[in-house]
C-alpha atoms as a PDB file:
ATOM      1  CA  UNK A   1     117.393 139.937 143.727  1.00  0.00           C
ATOM      2  CA  UNK A   2     119.954 139.303 140.976  1.00  0.00           C
ATOM      3  CA  UNK A   3     117.816 141.150 138.416  1.00  0.00           C
ATOM      4  CA  UNK A   4     117.285 144.076 140.786  1.00  0.00           C
ATOM      5  CA  UNK A   5     121.007 144.241 141.564  1.00  0.00           C
ATOM      6  CA  UNK A   6     121.849 144.164 137.847  1.00  0.00           C
ATOM      7  CA  UNK A   7     119.474 147.056 137.205  1.00  0.00           C
ATOM      8  CA  UNK A   8     120.962 149.122 140.023  1.00  0.00           C
ATOM      9  CA  UNK A   9     124.519 148.434 138.818  1.00  0.00           C
ATOM     10  CA  UNK A  10     123.616 149.508 135.275  1.00  0.00           C
ATOM     11  CA  UNK A  11     121.976 152.667 136.606  1.00  0.00           C
ATOM     12  CA  UNK A  12     125.019 153.553 138.717  1.00  0.00           C
ATOM     13  CA  UNK A  13     127.305 152.777 135.778  1.00  0.00           C
ATOM     14  CA  UNK A  14     125.449 155.303 133.601  1.00  0.00           C
ATOM     15  CA  UNK A  15     126.785 158.170 135.688  1.00  0.00           C
ATOM     16  CA  UNK A  16     130.405 157.148 135.131  1.00  0.00           C
ATOM     17  CA  UNK A  17     130.078 157.523 131.355  1.00  0.00           C
ATOM     18  CA  UNK A  18     131.456 160.913 130.229  1.00  0.00           C
ATOM     19  CA  UNK A  19     129.263 161.401 127.158  1.00  0.00           C
ATOM     20  CA  UNK A  20     125.493 161.239 126.700  1.00  0.00           C
ATOM     21  CA  UNK A  21     124.462 159.556 123.455  1.00  0.00           C
ATOM     22  CA  UNK A  22     121.969 156.997 122.158  1.00  0.00           C
ATOM     23  CA  UNK A  23     123.698 154.194 124.034  1.00  0.00           C
ATOM     24  CA  UNK A  24     123.481 156.186 127.275  1.00  0.00           C
ATOM     25  CA  UNK A  25     119.703 156.497 126.932  1.00  0.00           C
ATOM     26  CA  UNK A  26     119.365 152.816 126.035  1.00  0.00           C
ATOM     27  CA  UNK A  27     121.312 151.791 129.124  1.00  0.00           C
ATOM     28  CA  UNK A  28     119.373 154.234 131.290  1.00  0.00           C
ATOM     29  CA  UNK A  29     116.064 152.795 130.086  1.00  0.00           C
ATOM     30  CA  UNK A  30     117.248 149.208 130.464  1.00  0.00           C
ATOM     31  CA  UNK A  31     118.401 149.822 134.034  1.00  0.00           C
ATOM     32  CA  UNK A  32     114.971 151.145 135.054  1.00  0.00           C
ATOM     33  CA  UNK A  33     113.246 148.242 133.295  1.00  0.00           C
ATOM     34  CA  UNK A  34     115.386 145.746 135.212  1.00  0.00           C
ATOM     35  CA  UNK A  35     114.804 147.528 138.523  1.00  0.00           C
ATOM     36  CA  UNK A  36     111.041 147.552 137.973  1.00  0.00           C
ATOM     37  CA  UNK A  37     111.107 143.890 136.934  1.00  0.00           C
ATOM     38  CA  UNK A  38     113.092 142.979 140.027  1.00  0.00           C
ATOM     39  CA  UNK A  39     110.792 144.897 142.378  1.00  0.00           C
ATOM     40  CA  UNK A  40     107.592 143.358 140.974  1.00  0.00           C
ATOM     41  CA  UNK A  41     109.095 139.962 140.094  1.00  0.00           C
ATOM     42  CA  UNK A  42     106.800 137.898 142.353  1.00  0.00           C
ATOM     43  CA  UNK A  43     103.665 139.701 141.139  1.00  0.00           C
ATOM     44  CA  UNK A  44     104.280 139.031 137.439  1.00  0.00           C
ATOM     45  CA  UNK A  45     102.489 136.152 135.694  1.00  0.00           C
ATOM     46  CA  UNK A  46     104.480 133.200 134.354  1.00  0.00           C
ATOM     47  CA  UNK A  47     103.688 134.065 130.714  1.00  0.00           C
ATOM     48  CA  UNK A  48     105.153 137.518 131.198  1.00  0.00           C
ATOM     49  CA  UNK A  49     108.273 136.022 132.758  1.00  0.00           C
ATOM     50  CA  UNK A  50     108.766 133.890 129.641  1.00  0.00           C
ATOM     51  CA  UNK A  51     108.271 136.906 127.386  1.00  0.00           C
ATOM     52  CA  UNK A  52     110.724 138.945 129.452  1.00  0.00           C
ATOM     53  CA  UNK A  53     113.299 136.140 129.262  1.00  0.00           C
ATOM     54  CA  UNK A  54     112.943 136.009 125.476  1.00  0.00           C
ATOM     55  CA  UNK A  55     113.360 139.773 125.227  1.00  0.00           C
ATOM     56  CA  UNK A  56     116.492 139.591 127.362  1.00  0.00           C
ATOM     57  CA  UNK A  57     118.069 136.668 125.506  1.00  0.00           C
ATOM     58  CA  UNK A  58     118.030 138.342 122.096  1.00  0.00           C
ATOM     59  CA  UNK A  59     120.254 141.331 123.018  1.00  0.00           C
ATOM     60  CA  UNK A  60     122.325 139.147 125.357  1.00  0.00           C
ATOM     61  CA  UNK A  61     123.180 136.709 122.555  1.00  0.00           C
ATOM     62  CA  UNK A  62     123.689 139.534 120.064  1.00  0.00           C
ATOM     63  CA  UNK A  63     126.093 141.490 122.257  1.00  0.00           C
ATOM     64  CA  UNK A  64     127.939 138.307 123.231  1.00  0.00           C
ATOM     65  CA  UNK A  65     128.540 137.629 119.543  1.00  0.00           C
ATOM     66  CA  UNK A  66     129.845 141.184 119.021  1.00  0.00           C
ATOM     67  CA  UNK A  67     132.136 140.831 122.041  1.00  0.00           C
ATOM     68  CA  UNK A  68     133.584 137.515 120.905  1.00  0.00           C
ATOM     69  CA  UNK A  69     134.068 138.718 117.327  1.00  0.00           C
ATOM     70  CA  UNK A  70     135.679 141.964 118.444  1.00  0.00           C
ATOM     71  CA  UNK A  71     138.244 140.194 120.591  1.00  0.00           C
ATOM     72  CA  UNK A  72     139.256 137.555 118.043  1.00  0.00           C
ATOM     73  CA  UNK A  73     141.875 139.488 116.125  1.00  0.00           C
ATOM     74  CA  UNK A  74     142.990 138.103 112.763  1.00  0.00           C
ATOM     75  CA  UNK A  75     145.825 140.521 111.911  1.00  0.00           C
ATOM     76  CA  UNK A  76     148.815 138.690 110.388  1.00  0.00           C
ATOM     77  CA  UNK A  77     151.219 141.625 110.886  1.00  0.00           C
ATOM     78  CA  UNK A  78     152.302 141.508 107.255  1.00  0.00           C
ATOM     79  CA  UNK A  79     149.496 143.683 105.828  1.00  0.00           C
ATOM     80  CA  UNK A  80     150.346 146.636 103.586  1.00  0.00           C
ATOM     81  CA  UNK A  81     147.971 149.140 105.198  1.00  0.00           C
ATOM     82  CA  UNK A  82     146.446 149.718 108.629  1.00  0.00           C
ATOM     83  CA  UNK A  83     143.146 151.582 108.332  1.00  0.00           C
ATOM     84  CA  UNK A  84     142.245 153.359 111.585  1.00  0.00           C
ATOM     85  CA  UNK A  85     138.598 154.417 111.719  1.00  0.00           C
ATOM     86  CA  UNK A  86     137.885 157.905 112.962  1.00  0.00           C
ATOM     87  CA  UNK A  87     136.186 158.903 116.215  1.00  0.00           C
ATOM     88  CA  UNK A  88     135.626 162.046 118.246  1.00  0.00           C
ATOM     89  CA  UNK A  89     138.397 164.553 118.872  1.00  0.00           C
ATOM     90  CA  UNK A  90     138.785 167.248 121.533  1.00  0.00           C
ATOM     91  CA  UNK A  91     140.147 170.273 119.715  1.00  0.00           C
ATOM     92  CA  UNK A  92     143.686 169.334 118.676  1.00  0.00           C
ATOM     93  CA  UNK A  93     143.721 166.046 120.577  1.00  0.00           C
ATOM     94  CA  UNK A  94     142.099 162.651 120.101  1.00  0.00           C
ATOM     95  CA  UNK A  95     139.520 161.538 122.628  1.00  0.00           C
ATOM     96  CA  UNK A  96     140.496 158.712 124.947  1.00  0.00           C
ATOM     97  CA  UNK A  97     138.386 156.496 122.749  1.00  0.00           C
ATOM     98  CA  UNK A  98     140.297 157.451 119.610  1.00  0.00           C
ATOM     99  CA  UNK A  99     143.702 157.412 121.312  1.00  0.00           C
ATOM    100  CA  UNK A 100     143.180 153.744 122.135  1.00  0.00           C
ATOM    101  CA  UNK A 101     142.608 152.983 118.456  1.00  0.00           C
ATOM    102  CA  UNK A 102     145.706 154.949 117.488  1.00  0.00           C
ATOM    103  CA  UNK A 103     147.876 153.233 120.086  1.00  0.00           C
ATOM    104  CA  UNK A 104     146.668 149.850 118.845  1.00  0.00           C
ATOM    105  CA  UNK A 105     147.604 150.844 115.287  1.00  0.00           C
ATOM    106  CA  UNK A 106     150.999 152.168 116.412  1.00  0.00           C
ATOM    107  CA  UNK A 107     151.721 148.947 118.315  1.00  0.00           C
ATOM    108  CA  UNK A 108     150.912 147.042 115.146  1.00  0.00           C
ATOM    109  CA  UNK A 109     153.182 149.278 113.053  1.00  0.00           C
ATOM    110  CA  UNK A 110     156.094 148.683 115.400  1.00  0.00           C
ATOM    111  CA  UNK A 111     155.835 144.997 114.504  1.00  0.00           C
ATOM    112  CA  UNK A 112     155.365 145.759 110.801  1.00  0.00           C
ATOM    113  CA  UNK A 113     157.191 149.044 110.000  1.00  0.00           C
ATOM    114  CA  UNK A 114     156.897 148.459 106.242  1.00  0.00           C
ATOM    115  CA  UNK A 115     153.160 149.094 106.453  1.00  0.00           C
ATOM    116  CA  UNK A 116     151.311 152.380 105.988  1.00  0.00           C
ATOM    117  CA  UNK A 117     148.771 153.749 108.454  1.00  0.00           C
ATOM    118  CA  UNK A 118     145.656 155.284 106.887  1.00  0.00           C
ATOM    119  CA  UNK A 119     143.882 157.622 109.323  1.00  0.00           C
ATOM    120  CA  UNK A 120     140.299 158.562 108.520  1.00  0.00           C
ATOM    121  CA  UNK A 121     137.773 161.178 109.535  1.00  0.00           C
ATOM    122  CA  UNK A 122     136.620 164.578 108.358  1.00  0.00           C
ATOM    123  CA  UNK A 123     135.789 167.892 109.983  1.00  0.00           C
ATOM    124  CA  UNK A 124     133.312 167.614 112.840  1.00  0.00           C
ATOM    125  CA  UNK A 125     130.843 170.289 113.847  1.00  0.00           C
ATOM    126  CA  UNK A 126     132.621 173.130 115.631  1.00  0.00           C
ATOM    127  CA  UNK A 127     136.060 171.662 114.986  1.00  0.00           C
ATOM    128  CA  UNK A 128     139.052 173.430 113.412  1.00  0.00           C
ATOM    129  CA  UNK A 129     140.931 170.274 112.509  1.00  0.00           C
ATOM    130  CA  UNK A 130     139.844 167.098 110.802  1.00  0.00           C
ATOM    131  CA  UNK A 131     139.899 163.857 112.735  1.00  0.00           C
ATOM    132  CA  UNK A 132     142.508 162.556 110.278  1.00  0.00           C
ATOM    133  CA  UNK A 133     144.800 165.535 110.919  1.00  0.00           C
ATOM    134  CA  UNK A 134     144.603 165.076 114.708  1.00  0.00           C
ATOM    135  CA  UNK A 135     145.188 161.342 114.349  1.00  0.00           C
ATOM    136  CA  UNK A 136     148.218 161.796 112.091  1.00  0.00           C
ATOM    137  CA  UNK A 137     149.701 164.348 114.471  1.00  0.00           C
ATOM    138  CA  UNK A 138     149.240 162.016 117.436  1.00  0.00           C
ATOM    139  CA  UNK A 139     150.869 159.096 115.637  1.00  0.00           C
ATOM    140  CA  UNK A 140     153.864 161.167 114.602  1.00  0.00           C
ATOM    141  CA  UNK A 141     154.409 163.249 117.757  1.00  0.00           C
ATOM    142  CA  UNK A 142     153.336 160.774 120.444  1.00  0.00           C
ATOM    143  CA  UNK A 143     154.299 157.458 118.868  1.00  0.00           C
ATOM    144  CA  UNK A 144     157.099 158.438 116.491  1.00  0.00           C
ATOM    145  CA  UNK A 145     155.509 157.100 113.305  1.00  0.00           C
ATOM    146  CA  UNK A 146     157.280 158.681 110.277  1.00  0.00           C
ATOM    147  CA  UNK A 147     155.085 161.149 108.411  1.00  0.00           C
ATOM    148  CA  UNK A 148     155.751 159.381 105.118  1.00  0.00           C
ATOM    149  CA  UNK A 149     154.139 156.255 106.545  1.00  0.00           C
ATOM    150  CA  UNK A 150     150.875 158.043 107.406  1.00  0.00           C
ATOM    151  CA  UNK A 151     148.128 158.545 104.822  1.00  0.00           C
ATOM    152  CA  UNK A 152     145.155 160.796 105.526  1.00  0.00           C
ATOM    153  CA  UNK A 153     141.505 160.631 104.486  1.00  0.00           C
ATOM    154  CA  UNK A 154     139.878 163.825 105.748  1.00  0.00           C
ATOM    155  CA  UNK A 155     136.430 164.013 104.103  1.00  0.00           C
ATOM    156  CA  UNK A 156     134.317 161.351 105.781  1.00  0.00           C
ATOM    157  CA  UNK A 157     131.627 161.735 108.442  1.00  0.00           C
ATOM    158  CA  UNK A 158     130.755 158.056 109.017  1.00  0.00           C
ATOM    159  CA  UNK A 159     132.346 154.629 109.154  1.00  0.00           C
ATOM    160  CA  UNK A 160     130.956 153.857 105.710  1.00  0.00           C
ATOM    161  CA  UNK A 161     132.598 156.943 104.230  1.00  0.00           C
ATOM    162  CA  UNK A 162     135.836 156.307 106.159  1.00  0.00           C
ATOM    163  CA  UNK A 163     136.214 153.116 104.175  1.00  0.00           C
ATOM    164  CA  UNK A 164     134.879 154.232 100.798  1.00  0.00           C
ATOM    165  CA  UNK A 165     137.111 157.309 100.659  1.00  0.00           C
ATOM    166  CA  UNK A 166     140.092 155.394 102.039  1.00  0.00           C
ATOM    167  CA  UNK A 167     139.749 152.929  99.159  1.00  0.00           C
ATOM    168  CA  UNK A 168     139.903 155.754  96.624  1.00  0.00           C
ATOM    169  CA  UNK A 169     143.093 157.132  98.170  1.00  0.00           C
ATOM    170  CA  UNK A 170     144.745 153.730  98.448  1.00  0.00           C
ATOM    171  CA  UNK A 171     143.945 152.855  94.852  1.00  0.00           C
ATOM    172  CA  UNK A 172     145.628 156.085  93.762  1.00  0.00           C
ATOM    173  CA  UNK A 173     148.558 155.582  96.166  1.00  0.00           C
ATOM    174  CA  UNK A 174     149.382 152.036  95.080  1.00  0.00           C
ATOM    175  CA  UNK A 175     148.157 152.313  91.498  1.00  0.00           C
ATOM    176  CA  UNK A 176     146.275 149.022  91.861  1.00  0.00           C
ATOM    177  CA  UNK A 177     144.012 147.112  94.249  1.00  0.00           C
ATOM    178  CA  UNK A 178     146.476 144.335  95.006  1.00  0.00           C
ATOM    179  CA  UNK A 179     147.336 145.347  98.574  1.00  0.00           C
ATOM    180  CA  UNK A 180     146.373 143.904 101.961  1.00  0.00           C
ATOM    181  CA  UNK A 181     144.535 145.726 104.731  1.00  0.00           C
ATOM    182  CA  UNK A 182     143.893 145.395 108.449  1.00  0.00           C
ATOM    183  CA  UNK A 183     141.080 147.467 109.958  1.00  0.00           C
ATOM    184  CA  UNK A 184     141.613 148.915 113.439  1.00  0.00           C
ATOM    185  CA  UNK A 185     138.697 150.166 115.489  1.00  0.00           C
ATOM    186  CA  UNK A 186     137.212 149.688 118.960  1.00  0.00           C
ATOM    187  CA  UNK A 187     136.580 146.028 119.673  1.00  0.00           C
ATOM    188  CA  UNK A 188     132.790 146.342 120.023  1.00  0.00           C
ATOM    189  CA  UNK A 189     132.680 148.196 116.680  1.00  0.00           C
ATOM    190  CA  UNK A 190     134.773 145.657 114.788  1.00  0.00           C
ATOM    191  CA  UNK A 191     132.035 143.460 113.348  1.00  0.00           C
ATOM    192  CA  UNK A 192     130.216 146.364 111.693  1.00  0.00           C
ATOM    193  CA  UNK A 193     133.490 147.891 110.512  1.00  0.00           C
ATOM    194  CA  UNK A 194     134.524 144.677 108.753  1.00  0.00           C
ATOM    195  CA  UNK A 195     131.028 144.309 107.284  1.00  0.00           C
ATOM    196  CA  UNK A 196     131.238 147.809 105.805  1.00  0.00           C
ATOM    197  CA  UNK A 197     134.840 147.272 104.682  1.00  0.00           C
ATOM    198  CA  UNK A 198     133.760 144.282 102.633  1.00  0.00           C
ATOM    199  CA  UNK A 199     130.951 146.324 101.118  1.00  0.00           C
ATOM    200  CA  UNK A 200     133.554 148.931 100.164  1.00  0.00           C
ATOM    201  CA  UNK A 201     135.546 146.272  98.329  1.00  0.00           C
ATOM    202  CA  UNK A 202     138.229 145.398 100.880  1.00  0.00           C
ATOM    203  CA  UNK A 203     139.365 141.929 101.787  1.00  0.00           C
ATOM    204  CA  UNK A 204     140.573 142.651 105.285  1.00  0.00           C
ATOM    205  CA  UNK A 205     141.854 141.280 108.558  1.00  0.00           C
ATOM    206  CA  UNK A 206     140.857 142.913 111.833  1.00  0.00           C
ATOM    207  CA  UNK A 207     142.389 144.254 115.029  1.00  0.00           C
ATOM    208  CA  UNK A 208     140.296 145.522 117.942  1.00  0.00           C
ATOM    209  CA  UNK A 209     141.259 148.336 120.306  1.00  0.00           C
ATOM    210  CA  UNK A 210     140.189 148.077 123.969  1.00  0.00           C
ATOM    211  CA  UNK A 211     137.772 150.544 125.555  1.00  0.00           C
ATOM    212  CA  UNK A 212     137.230 151.575 129.154  1.00  0.00           C
ATOM    213  CA  UNK A 213     135.310 148.810 130.927  1.00  0.00           C
ATOM    214  CA  UNK A 214     132.553 151.043 132.279  1.00  0.00           C
ATOM    215  CA  UNK A 215     131.563 152.149 128.766  1.00  0.00           C
ATOM    216  CA  UNK A 216     130.960 148.592 127.519  1.00  0.00           C
ATOM    217  CA  UNK A 217     127.235 148.218 128.372  1.00  0.00           C
ATOM    218  CA  UNK A 218     126.353 151.518 126.724  1.00  0.00           C
ATOM    219  CA  UNK A 219     128.361 150.986 123.557  1.00  0.00           C
ATOM    220  CA  UNK A 220     127.346 147.360 123.050  1.00  0.00           C
ATOM    221  CA  UNK A 221     123.670 148.338 123.332  1.00  0.00           C
ATOM    222  CA  UNK A 222     124.152 151.136 120.825  1.00  0.00           C
ATOM    223  CA  UNK A 223     126.190 148.954 118.499  1.00  0.00           C
ATOM    224  CA  UNK A 224     123.541 146.240 118.446  1.00  0.00           C
ATOM    225  CA  UNK A 225     121.106 148.655 116.795  1.00  0.00           C
ATOM    226  CA  UNK A 226     123.813 150.064 114.522  1.00  0.00           C
ATOM    227  CA  UNK A 227     124.626 146.567 113.234  1.00  0.00           C
ATOM    228  CA  UNK A 228     120.972 145.874 112.454  1.00  0.00           C
ATOM    229  CA  UNK A 229     120.858 149.234 110.687  1.00  0.00           C
ATOM    230  CA  UNK A 230     123.904 148.272 108.608  1.00  0.00           C
ATOM    231  CA  UNK A 231     122.364 144.913 107.718  1.00  0.00           C
ATOM    232  CA  UNK A 232     119.320 146.557 106.162  1.00  0.00           C
ATOM    233  CA  UNK A 233     121.464 149.179 104.432  1.00  0.00           C
ATOM    234  CA  UNK A 234     119.652 152.129 105.974  1.00  0.00           C
ATOM    235  CA  UNK A 235     120.955 155.617 105.075  1.00  0.00           C
ATOM    236  CA  UNK A 236     121.147 156.290 108.837  1.00  0.00           C
ATOM    237  CA  UNK A 237     124.621 154.768 108.726  1.00  0.00           C
ATOM    238  CA  UNK A 238     125.741 157.942 107.019  1.00  0.00           C
ATOM    239  CA  UNK A 239     124.816 160.060 110.038  1.00  0.00           C
ATOM    240  CA  UNK A 240     126.127 158.045 112.975  1.00  0.00           C
ATOM    241  CA  UNK A 241     127.259 159.637 116.205  1.00  0.00           C
ATOM    242  CA  UNK A 242     131.035 159.975 116.381  1.00  0.00           C
ATOM    243  CA  UNK A 243     132.247 158.059 119.404  1.00  0.00           C
END
């Protein structure tokens, strides 16, 4: 009954998520698998139960690790730069998802006003403004961050490029690589972001932004596959879906 109830809850939860993406389909498929498993539980052989348990434990352990990592922030609040990773925008405004990252960065800056905020993200399909432009505008107009404290990277289309291009700009801005960085992104995305930041040459601390609770199953499922993709260095990381 617990498995059946879990499947039904995941299925219901799917319809509260505003955007359909890979994670949505993964959650949709998982919910039906759990419902079917719950319905036919007593007709399934013991060997199949063991196999099903093993299949469940792998993503459960993986996503638990991502959740723990993403909520253990290491920011010291004396870093020189806050790098905010880009996400989807809605015309001239950040999505709710992105606004949470920006508010987390702005809260940090209020405790460390000597730092710079680097906003990242290029021009999305059908958009008139880059993600970086929308992010900078939000920080200045909604949170009162001085324009001179905001740096923009407006060419990237992926997390990997966010960080690689940001490093180029920061090297030119400071004239050296002897500066400290904290990466801000959604908490479930933090492990992969730090992994890619290190590949880009950063030694960084981390600060996770919260997301709406009902989106967690979908995004953790999607992120699990994205992390594995990053581990093997697949070029698919260059064409990720903007959240």
